[in-house]
Amino acid sequence: MKLLSKDTENDSAGQVTLTPEQPEDMWHTYNLLQVGDSLQASTVRKVQAGNSGSYCIHTTVTICVQTIDFDSQACQLQVKGINIQKN
């Protein structure tokens, strides 16, 4: 995992920016996250355009973490939360 930036205080509060490079990095991220943390990530949303088909848009979401789950078979991190910032 690559640490891009870190801004922490003495009481362990703060912000870090990480980039996973290997599938097992999701496991380490799973162990770092807690309920109540905010998480920002980029995602792709599929938009239906009537009868002419659909297209994809890239967006960034910021959520307040409610539940965290790790799928060890697929090495995927599944995070559920509510949006706390407009896209």
PDB file of N, CA and C in Angstrom:
ATOM      1  N   MET A   1       0.855  -1.163   0.000  1.00  0.00           N
ATOM      2  CA  MET A   1       0.000   0.000   0.000  1.00  0.00           C
ATOM      3  C   MET A   1       0.900   1.225   0.000  1.00  0.00           C
ATOM      4  N   LYS A   2       0.489   2.220  -0.757  1.00  0.00           N
ATOM      5  CA  LYS A   2       1.258   3.444  -0.850  1.00  0.00           C
ATOM      6  C   LYS A   2       0.588   4.532  -0.020  1.00  0.00           C
ATOM      7  N   LEU A   3       1.350   5.153   0.878  1.00  0.00           N
ATOM      8  CA  LEU A   3       0.867   6.261   1.699  1.00  0.00           C
ATOM      9  C   LEU A   3       1.155   7.549   0.937  1.00  0.00           C
ATOM     10  N   LEU A   4       0.089   8.222   0.473  1.00  0.00           N
ATOM     11  CA  LEU A   4       0.256   9.436  -0.314  1.00  0.00           C
ATOM     12  C   LEU A   4       0.379  10.673   0.557  1.00  0.00           C
ATOM     13  N   SER A   5      -0.409  10.735   1.644  1.00  0.00           N
ATOM     14  CA  SER A   5      -0.307  11.871   2.564  1.00  0.00           C
ATOM     15  C   SER A   5      -0.802  11.448   3.934  1.00  0.00           C
ATOM     16  N   LYS A   6      -0.327  12.177   4.959  1.00  0.00           N
ATOM     17  CA  LYS A   6      -0.701  11.863   6.337  1.00  0.00           C
ATOM     18  C   LYS A   6      -0.761  13.160   7.118  1.00  0.00           C
ATOM     19  N   ASP A   7      -1.855  13.361   7.839  1.00  0.00           N
ATOM     20  CA  ASP A   7      -2.027  14.534   8.692  1.00  0.00           C
ATOM     21  C   ASP A   7      -2.712  14.060   9.966  1.00  0.00           C
ATOM     22  N   THR A   8      -1.926  13.677  10.973  1.00  0.00           N
ATOM     23  CA  THR A   8      -2.483  13.141  12.210  1.00  0.00           C
ATOM     24  C   THR A   8      -2.084  14.007  13.388  1.00  0.00           C
ATOM     25  N   GLU A   9      -2.877  13.881  14.462  1.00  0.00           N
ATOM     26  CA  GLU A   9      -2.628  14.618  15.696  1.00  0.00           C
ATOM     27  C   GLU A   9      -2.175  13.637  16.767  1.00  0.00           C
ATOM     28  N   ASN A  10      -1.870  14.136  17.946  1.00  0.00           N
ATOM     29  CA  ASN A  10      -1.385  13.289  19.036  1.00  0.00           C
ATOM     30  C   ASN A  10      -2.409  12.266  19.500  1.00  0.00           C
ATOM     31  N   ASP A  11      -3.701  12.565  19.381  1.00  0.00           N
ATOM     32  CA  ASP A  11      -4.736  11.649  19.852  1.00  0.00           C
ATOM     33  C   ASP A  11      -5.180  10.671  18.763  1.00  0.00           C
ATOM     34  N   SER A  12      -4.369  10.491  17.740  1.00  0.00           N
ATOM     35  CA  SER A  12      -4.607   9.571  16.621  1.00  0.00           C
ATOM     36  C   SER A  12      -5.720  10.025  15.682  1.00  0.00           C
ATOM     37  N   ALA A  13      -6.251  11.205  15.880  1.00  0.00           N
ATOM     38  CA  ALA A  13      -7.235  11.738  14.945  1.00  0.00           C
ATOM     39  C   ALA A  13      -6.486  12.343  13.770  1.00  0.00           C
ATOM     40  N   GLY A  14      -7.097  12.319  12.612  1.00  0.00           N
ATOM     41  CA  GLY A  14      -6.466  12.920  11.455  1.00  0.00           C
ATOM     42  C   GLY A  14      -6.948  12.322  10.161  1.00  0.00           C
ATOM     43  N   GLN A  15      -6.106  12.443   9.157  1.00  0.00           N
ATOM     44  CA  GLN A  15      -6.483  12.027   7.812  1.00  0.00           C
ATOM     45  C   GLN A  15      -5.286  11.390   7.130  1.00  0.00           C
ATOM     46  N   VAL A  16      -5.530  10.311   6.407  1.00  0.00           N
ATOM     47  CA  VAL A  16      -4.493   9.674   5.586  1.00  0.00           C
ATOM     48  C   VAL A  16      -5.059   9.418   4.195  1.00  0.00           C
ATOM     49  N   THR A  17      -4.192   9.451   3.207  1.00  0.00           N
ATOM     50  CA  THR A  17      -4.563   9.128   1.836  1.00  0.00           C
ATOM     51  C   THR A  17      -3.729   7.924   1.420  1.00  0.00           C
ATOM     52  N   LEU A  18      -4.425   6.827   1.077  1.00  0.00           N
ATOM     53  CA  LEU A  18      -3.776   5.567   0.744  1.00  0.00           C
ATOM     54  C   LEU A  18      -4.142   5.126  -0.661  1.00  0.00           C
ATOM     55  N   THR A  19      -3.225   4.418  -1.310  1.00  0.00           N
ATOM     56  CA  THR A  19      -3.499   3.793  -2.593  1.00  0.00           C
ATOM     57  C   THR A  19      -3.140   2.320  -2.487  1.00  0.00           C
ATOM     58  N   PRO A  20      -4.140   1.430  -2.600  1.00  0.00           N
ATOM     59  CA  PRO A  20      -3.832  -0.001  -2.545  1.00  0.00           C
ATOM     60  C   PRO A  20      -3.094  -0.433  -3.812  1.00  0.00           C
ATOM     61  N   GLU A  21      -2.076  -1.271  -3.629  1.00  0.00           N
ATOM     62  CA  GLU A  21      -1.301  -1.750  -4.770  1.00  0.00           C
ATOM     63  C   GLU A  21      -1.422  -3.255  -4.962  1.00  0.00           C
ATOM     64  N   GLN A  22      -1.805  -3.980  -3.917  1.00  0.00           N
ATOM     65  CA  GLN A  22      -1.958  -5.422  -3.982  1.00  0.00           C
ATOM     66  C   GLN A  22      -3.300  -5.791  -3.362  1.00  0.00           C
ATOM     67  N   PRO A  23      -3.857  -6.943  -3.713  1.00  0.00           N
ATOM     68  CA  PRO A  23      -5.152  -7.344  -3.160  1.00  0.00           C
ATOM     69  C   PRO A  23      -5.178  -7.405  -1.624  1.00  0.00           C
ATOM     70  N   GLU A  24      -4.075  -7.815  -0.991  1.00  0.00           N
ATOM     71  CA  GLU A  24      -4.078  -7.912   0.472  1.00  0.00           C
ATOM     72  C   GLU A  24      -4.090  -6.545   1.160  1.00  0.00           C
ATOM     73  N   ASP A  25      -3.861  -5.474   0.404  1.00  0.00           N
ATOM     74  CA  ASP A  25      -3.940  -4.132   0.977  1.00  0.00           C
ATOM     75  C   ASP A  25      -5.356  -3.812   1.448  1.00  0.00           C
ATOM     76  N   MET A  26      -6.360  -4.442   0.839  1.00  0.00           N
ATOM     77  CA  MET A  26      -7.737  -4.242   1.280  1.00  0.00           C
ATOM     78  C   MET A  26      -7.938  -4.782   2.703  1.00  0.00           C
ATOM     79  N   TRP A  27      -7.245  -5.864   3.041  1.00  0.00           N
ATOM     80  CA  TRP A  27      -7.316  -6.425   4.398  1.00  0.00           C
ATOM     81  C   TRP A  27      -6.755  -5.424   5.412  1.00  0.00           C
ATOM     82  N   HIS A  28      -5.645  -4.802   5.080  1.00  0.00           N
ATOM     83  CA  HIS A  28      -5.052  -3.811   5.980  1.00  0.00           C
ATOM     84  C   HIS A  28      -5.962  -2.592   6.126  1.00  0.00           C
ATOM     85  N   THR A  29      -6.595  -2.188   5.031  1.00  0.00           N
ATOM     86  CA  THR A  29      -7.540  -1.067   5.087  1.00  0.00           C
ATOM     87  C   THR A  29      -8.741  -1.429   5.950  1.00  0.00           C
ATOM     88  N   TYR A  30      -9.212  -2.660   5.839  1.00  0.00           N
ATOM     89  CA  TYR A  30     -10.318  -3.149   6.667  1.00  0.00           C
ATOM     90  C   TYR A  30      -9.976  -3.020   8.153  1.00  0.00           C
ATOM     91  N   ASN A  31      -8.749  -3.290   8.525  1.00  0.00           N
ATOM     92  CA  ASN A  31      -8.331  -3.197   9.918  1.00  0.00           C
ATOM     93  C   ASN A  31      -8.095  -1.760  10.379  1.00  0.00           C
ATOM     94  N   LEU A  32      -7.930  -0.834   9.451  1.00  0.00           N
ATOM     95  CA  LEU A  32      -7.744   0.573   9.805  1.00  0.00           C
ATOM     96  C   LEU A  32      -9.060   1.321   9.989  1.00  0.00           C
ATOM     97  N   LEU A  33     -10.079   0.963   9.211  1.00  0.00           N
ATOM     98  CA  LEU A  33     -11.364   1.673   9.242  1.00  0.00           C
ATOM     99  C   LEU A  33     -12.172   1.329  10.477  1.00  0.00           C
ATOM    100  N   GLN A  34     -12.931   2.321  10.965  1.00  0.00           N
ATOM    101  CA  GLN A  34     -13.859   2.129  12.075  1.00  0.00           C
ATOM    102  C   GLN A  34     -15.189   2.771  11.715  1.00  0.00           C
ATOM    103  N   VAL A  35     -16.242   2.280  12.344  1.00  0.00           N
ATOM    104  CA  VAL A  35     -17.562   2.884  12.163  1.00  0.00           C
ATOM    105  C   VAL A  35     -17.490   4.333  12.630  1.00  0.00           C
ATOM    106  N   GLY A  36     -18.031   5.243  11.822  1.00  0.00           N
ATOM    107  CA  GLY A  36     -17.995   6.665  12.142  1.00  0.00           C
ATOM    108  C   GLY A  36     -16.915   7.414  11.379  1.00  0.00           C
ATOM    109  N   ASP A  37     -15.951   6.697  10.803  1.00  0.00           N
ATOM    110  CA  ASP A  37     -14.932   7.339   9.981  1.00  0.00           C
ATOM    111  C   ASP A  37     -15.556   7.834   8.688  1.00  0.00           C
ATOM    112  N   SER A  38     -14.927   8.807   8.060  1.00  0.00           N
ATOM    113  CA  SER A  38     -15.371   9.218   6.731  1.00  0.00           C
ATOM    114  C   SER A  38     -14.403   8.635   5.720  1.00  0.00           C
ATOM    115  N   LEU A  39     -14.957   8.224   4.594  1.00  0.00           N
ATOM    116  CA  LEU A  39     -14.186   7.558   3.547  1.00  0.00           C
ATOM    117  C   LEU A  39     -14.507   8.224   2.222  1.00  0.00           C
ATOM    118  N   GLN A  40     -13.472   8.581   1.474  1.00  0.00           N
ATOM    119  CA  GLN A  40     -13.662   9.201   0.165  1.00  0.00           C
ATOM    120  C   GLN A  40     -13.057   8.286  -0.881  1.00  0.00           C
ATOM    121  N   ALA A  41     -13.808   8.018  -1.943  1.00  0.00           N
ATOM    122  CA  ALA A  41     -13.336   7.128  -2.998  1.00  0.00           C
ATOM    123  C   ALA A  41     -13.960   7.533  -4.326  1.00  0.00           C
ATOM    124  N   SER A  42     -13.279   7.182  -5.397  1.00  0.00           N
ATOM    125  CA  SER A  42     -13.843   7.422  -6.723  1.00  0.00           C
ATOM    126  C   SER A  42     -14.615   6.180  -7.144  1.00  0.00           C
ATOM    127  N   THR A  43     -15.659   6.397  -7.918  1.00  0.00           N
ATOM    128  CA  THR A  43     -16.515   5.305  -8.364  1.00  0.00           C
ATOM    129  C   THR A  43     -17.080   5.624  -9.738  1.00  0.00           C
ATOM    130  N   VAL A  44     -17.694   4.646 -10.354  1.00  0.00           N
ATOM    131  CA  VAL A  44     -18.323   4.812 -11.669  1.00  0.00           C
ATOM    132  C   VAL A  44     -19.806   4.532 -11.508  1.00  0.00           C
ATOM    133  N   ARG A  45     -20.630   5.399 -12.036  1.00  0.00           N
ATOM    134  CA  ARG A  45     -22.081   5.232 -12.002  1.00  0.00           C
ATOM    135  C   ARG A  45     -22.603   5.120 -13.428  1.00  0.00           C
ATOM    136  N   LYS A  46     -23.517   4.174 -13.639  1.00  0.00           N
ATOM    137  CA  LYS A  46     -24.129   3.983 -14.952  1.00  0.00           C
ATOM    138  C   LYS A  46     -25.409   4.804 -15.004  1.00  0.00           C
ATOM    139  N   VAL A  47     -25.541   5.633 -16.026  1.00  0.00           N
ATOM    140  CA  VAL A  47     -26.691   6.523 -16.184  1.00  0.00           C
ATOM    141  C   VAL A  47     -27.477   6.080 -17.408  1.00  0.00           C
ATOM    142  N   GLN A  48     -28.781   5.845 -17.245  1.00  0.00           N
ATOM    143  CA  GLN A  48     -29.651   5.485 -18.364  1.00  0.00           C
ATOM    144  C   GLN A  48     -30.052   6.758 -19.103  1.00  0.00           C
ATOM    145  N   ALA A  49     -29.922   6.733 -20.418  1.00  0.00           N
ATOM    146  CA  ALA A  49     -30.232   7.898 -21.242  1.00  0.00           C
ATOM    147  C   ALA A  49     -31.433   7.608 -22.131  1.00  0.00           C
ATOM    148  N   GLY A  50     -32.539   7.206 -21.528  1.00  0.00           N
ATOM    149  CA  GLY A  50     -33.743   6.917 -22.295  1.00  0.00           C
ATOM    150  C   GLY A  50     -33.568   5.713 -23.199  1.00  0.00           C
ATOM    151  N   ASN A  51     -34.106   5.807 -24.411  1.00  0.00           N
ATOM    152  CA  ASN A  51     -34.014   4.699 -25.363  1.00  0.00           C
ATOM    153  C   ASN A  51     -32.659   4.618 -26.056  1.00  0.00           C
ATOM    154  N   SER A  52     -31.868   5.666 -25.947  1.00  0.00           N
ATOM    155  CA  SER A  52     -30.593   5.693 -26.673  1.00  0.00           C
ATOM    156  C   SER A  52     -29.485   4.923 -25.964  1.00  0.00           C
ATOM    157  N   GLY A  53     -29.755   4.329 -24.836  1.00  0.00           N
ATOM    158  CA  GLY A  53     -28.748   3.521 -24.151  1.00  0.00           C
ATOM    159  C   GLY A  53     -28.338   4.114 -22.815  1.00  0.00           C
ATOM    160  N   SER A  54     -27.098   3.866 -22.456  1.00  0.00           N
ATOM    161  CA  SER A  54     -26.599   4.359 -21.179  1.00  0.00           C
ATOM    162  C   SER A  54     -25.141   4.773 -21.327  1.00  0.00           C
ATOM    163  N   TYR A  55     -24.672   5.502 -20.347  1.00  0.00           N
ATOM    164  CA  TYR A  55     -23.273   5.912 -20.319  1.00  0.00           C
ATOM    165  C   TYR A  55     -22.806   5.926 -18.874  1.00  0.00           C
ATOM    166  N   CYS A  56     -21.496   5.940 -18.701  1.00  0.00           N
ATOM    167  CA  CYS A  56     -20.909   5.900 -17.360  1.00  0.00           C
ATOM    168  C   CYS A  56     -20.284   7.249 -17.028  1.00  0.00           C
ATOM    169  N   ILE A  57     -20.431   7.657 -15.777  1.00  0.00           N
ATOM    170  CA  ILE A  57     -19.775   8.870 -15.308  1.00  0.00           C
ATOM    171  C   ILE A  57     -18.906   8.507 -14.104  1.00  0.00           C
ATOM    172  N   HIS A  58     -17.772   9.158 -14.006  1.00  0.00           N
ATOM    173  CA  HIS A  58     -16.874   8.980 -12.871  1.00  0.00           C
ATOM    174  C   HIS A  58     -17.197  10.057 -11.844  1.00  0.00           C
ATOM    175  N   THR A  59     -17.314   9.656 -10.593  1.00  0.00           N
ATOM    176  CA  THR A  59     -17.641  10.591  -9.533  1.00  0.00           C
ATOM    177  C   THR A  59     -16.862  10.220  -8.267  1.00  0.00           C
ATOM    178  N   THR A  60     -16.761  11.150  -7.355  1.00  0.00           N
ATOM    179  CA  THR A  60     -16.114  10.915  -6.067  1.00  0.00           C
ATOM    180  C   THR A  60     -17.171  11.012  -4.985  1.00  0.00           C
ATOM    181  N   VAL A  61     -17.231  10.002  -4.136  1.00  0.00           N
ATOM    182  CA  VAL A  61     -18.196   9.993  -3.038  1.00  0.00           C
ATOM    183  C   VAL A  61     -17.454  10.059  -1.709  1.00  0.00           C
ATOM    184  N   THR A  62     -18.068  10.741  -0.748  1.00  0.00           N
ATOM    185  CA  THR A  62     -17.557  10.792   0.621  1.00  0.00           C
ATOM    186  C   THR A  62     -18.673  10.294   1.519  1.00  0.00           C
ATOM    187  N   ILE A  63     -18.410   9.219   2.260  1.00  0.00           N
ATOM    188  CA  ILE A  63     -19.437   8.624   3.105  1.00  0.00           C
ATOM    189  C   ILE A  63     -18.980   8.557   4.557  1.00  0.00           C
ATOM    190  N   CYS A  64     -19.957   8.518   5.446  1.00  0.00           N
ATOM    191  CA  CYS A  64     -19.718   8.236   6.859  1.00  0.00           C
ATOM    192  C   CYS A  64     -19.935   6.731   7.023  1.00  0.00           C
ATOM    193  N   VAL A  65     -18.911   6.016   7.448  1.00  0.00           N
ATOM    194  CA  VAL A  65     -18.935   4.560   7.494  1.00  0.00           C
ATOM    195  C   VAL A  65     -19.921   4.062   8.546  1.00  0.00           C
ATOM    196  N   GLN A  66     -20.845   3.171   8.129  1.00  0.00           N
ATOM    197  CA  GLN A  66     -21.800   2.548   9.041  1.00  0.00           C
ATOM    198  C   GLN A  66     -21.463   1.084   9.290  1.00  0.00           C
ATOM    199  N   THR A  67     -21.109   0.350   8.246  1.00  0.00           N
ATOM    200  CA  THR A  67     -20.694  -1.048   8.394  1.00  0.00           C
ATOM    201  C   THR A  67     -19.510  -1.317   7.474  1.00  0.00           C
ATOM    202  N   ILE A  68     -18.663  -2.247   7.894  1.00  0.00           N
ATOM    203  CA  ILE A  68     -17.478  -2.628   7.134  1.00  0.00           C
ATOM    204  C   ILE A  68     -17.447  -4.149   7.047  1.00  0.00           C
ATOM    205  N   ASP A  69     -17.193  -4.667   5.849  1.00  0.00           N
ATOM    206  CA  ASP A  69     -17.093  -6.110   5.662  1.00  0.00           C
ATOM    207  C   ASP A  69     -15.964  -6.389   4.684  1.00  0.00           C
ATOM    208  N   PHE A  70     -15.284  -7.509   4.891  1.00  0.00           N
ATOM    209  CA  PHE A  70     -14.193  -7.892   4.008  1.00  0.00           C
ATOM    210  C   PHE A  70     -14.480  -9.260   3.422  1.00  0.00           C
ATOM    211  N   ASP A  71     -14.454  -9.379   2.098  1.00  0.00           N
ATOM    212  CA  ASP A  71     -14.644 -10.643   1.396  1.00  0.00           C
ATOM    213  C   ASP A  71     -13.261 -11.222   1.117  1.00  0.00           C
ATOM    214  N   SER A  72     -12.866 -12.241   1.899  1.00  0.00           N
ATOM    215  CA  SER A  72     -11.519 -12.791   1.782  1.00  0.00           C
ATOM    216  C   SER A  72     -11.311 -13.562   0.479  1.00  0.00           C
ATOM    217  N   GLN A  73     -12.363 -14.113  -0.095  1.00  0.00           N
ATOM    218  CA  GLN A  73     -12.229 -14.848  -1.355  1.00  0.00           C
ATOM    219  C   GLN A  73     -11.873 -13.910  -2.510  1.00  0.00           C
ATOM    220  N   ALA A  74     -12.524 -12.747  -2.556  1.00  0.00           N
ATOM    221  CA  ALA A  74     -12.308 -11.798  -3.643  1.00  0.00           C
ATOM    222  C   ALA A  74     -11.343 -10.675  -3.260  1.00  0.00           C
ATOM    223  N   CYS A  75     -10.910 -10.634  -1.988  1.00  0.00           N
ATOM    224  CA  CYS A  75     -10.056  -9.549  -1.466  1.00  0.00           C
ATOM    225  C   CYS A  75     -10.706  -8.191  -1.737  1.00  0.00           C
ATOM    226  N   GLN A  76     -11.996  -8.098  -1.423  1.00  0.00           N
ATOM    227  CA  GLN A  76     -12.733  -6.860  -1.632  1.00  0.00           C
ATOM    228  C   GLN A  76     -13.228  -6.316  -0.304  1.00  0.00           C
ATOM    229  N   LEU A  77     -13.139  -5.020  -0.175  1.00  0.00           N
ATOM    230  CA  LEU A  77     -13.631  -4.317   0.995  1.00  0.00           C
ATOM    231  C   LEU A  77     -15.018  -3.768   0.668  1.00  0.00           C
ATOM    232  N   GLN A  78     -15.995  -4.064   1.512  1.00  0.00           N
ATOM    233  CA  GLN A  78     -17.359  -3.591   1.289  1.00  0.00           C
ATOM    234  C   GLN A  78     -17.717  -2.663   2.441  1.00  0.00           C
ATOM    235  N   VAL A  79     -17.987  -1.410   2.104  1.00  0.00           N
ATOM    236  CA  VAL A  79     -18.274  -0.385   3.102  1.00  0.00           C
ATOM    237  C   VAL A  79     -19.650   0.190   2.821  1.00  0.00           C
ATOM    238  N   LYS A  80     -20.467   0.297   3.865  1.00  0.00           N
ATOM    239  CA  LYS A  80     -21.802   0.880   3.737  1.00  0.00           C
ATOM    240  C   LYS A  80     -21.834   2.162   4.556  1.00  0.00           C
ATOM    241  N   GLY A  81     -22.466   3.175   4.006  1.00  0.00           N
ATOM    242  CA  GLY A  81     -22.573   4.451   4.716  1.00  0.00           C
ATOM    243  C   GLY A  81     -23.469   5.410   3.988  1.00  0.00           C
ATOM    244  N   ILE A  82     -23.591   6.599   4.560  1.00  0.00           N
ATOM    245  CA  ILE A  82     -24.420   7.631   3.942  1.00  0.00           C
ATOM    246  C   ILE A  82     -23.523   8.733   3.398  1.00  0.00           C
ATOM    247  N   ASN A  83     -23.969   9.349   2.297  1.00  0.00           N
ATOM    248  CA  ASN A  83     -23.216  10.465   1.718  1.00  0.00           C
ATOM    249  C   ASN A  83     -23.173  11.628   2.699  1.00  0.00           C
ATOM    250  N   ILE A  84     -22.010  12.220   2.864  1.00  0.00           N
ATOM    251  CA  ILE A  84     -21.890  13.375   3.750  1.00  0.00           C
ATOM    252  C   ILE A  84     -21.404  14.604   2.995  1.00  0.00           C
ATOM    253  N   GLN A  85     -21.195  14.443   1.673  1.00  0.00           N
ATOM    254  CA  GLN A  85     -20.731  15.561   0.869  1.00  0.00           C
ATOM    255  C   GLN A  85     -21.357  15.464  -0.521  1.00  0.00           C
ATOM    256  N   LYS A  86     -21.754  16.598  -1.073  1.00  0.00           N
ATOM    257  CA  LYS A  86     -22.342  16.594  -2.411  1.00  0.00           C
ATOM    258  C   LYS A  86     -21.307  16.185  -3.444  1.00  0.00           C
ATOM    259  N   ASN A  87     -21.775  15.507  -4.482  1.00  0.00           N
ATOM    260  CA  ASN A  87     -20.880  15.070  -5.566  1.00  0.00           C
ATOM    261  C   ASN A  87     -20.700  16.196  -6.557  1.00  0.00           C
TER     262      ASN A  87
END
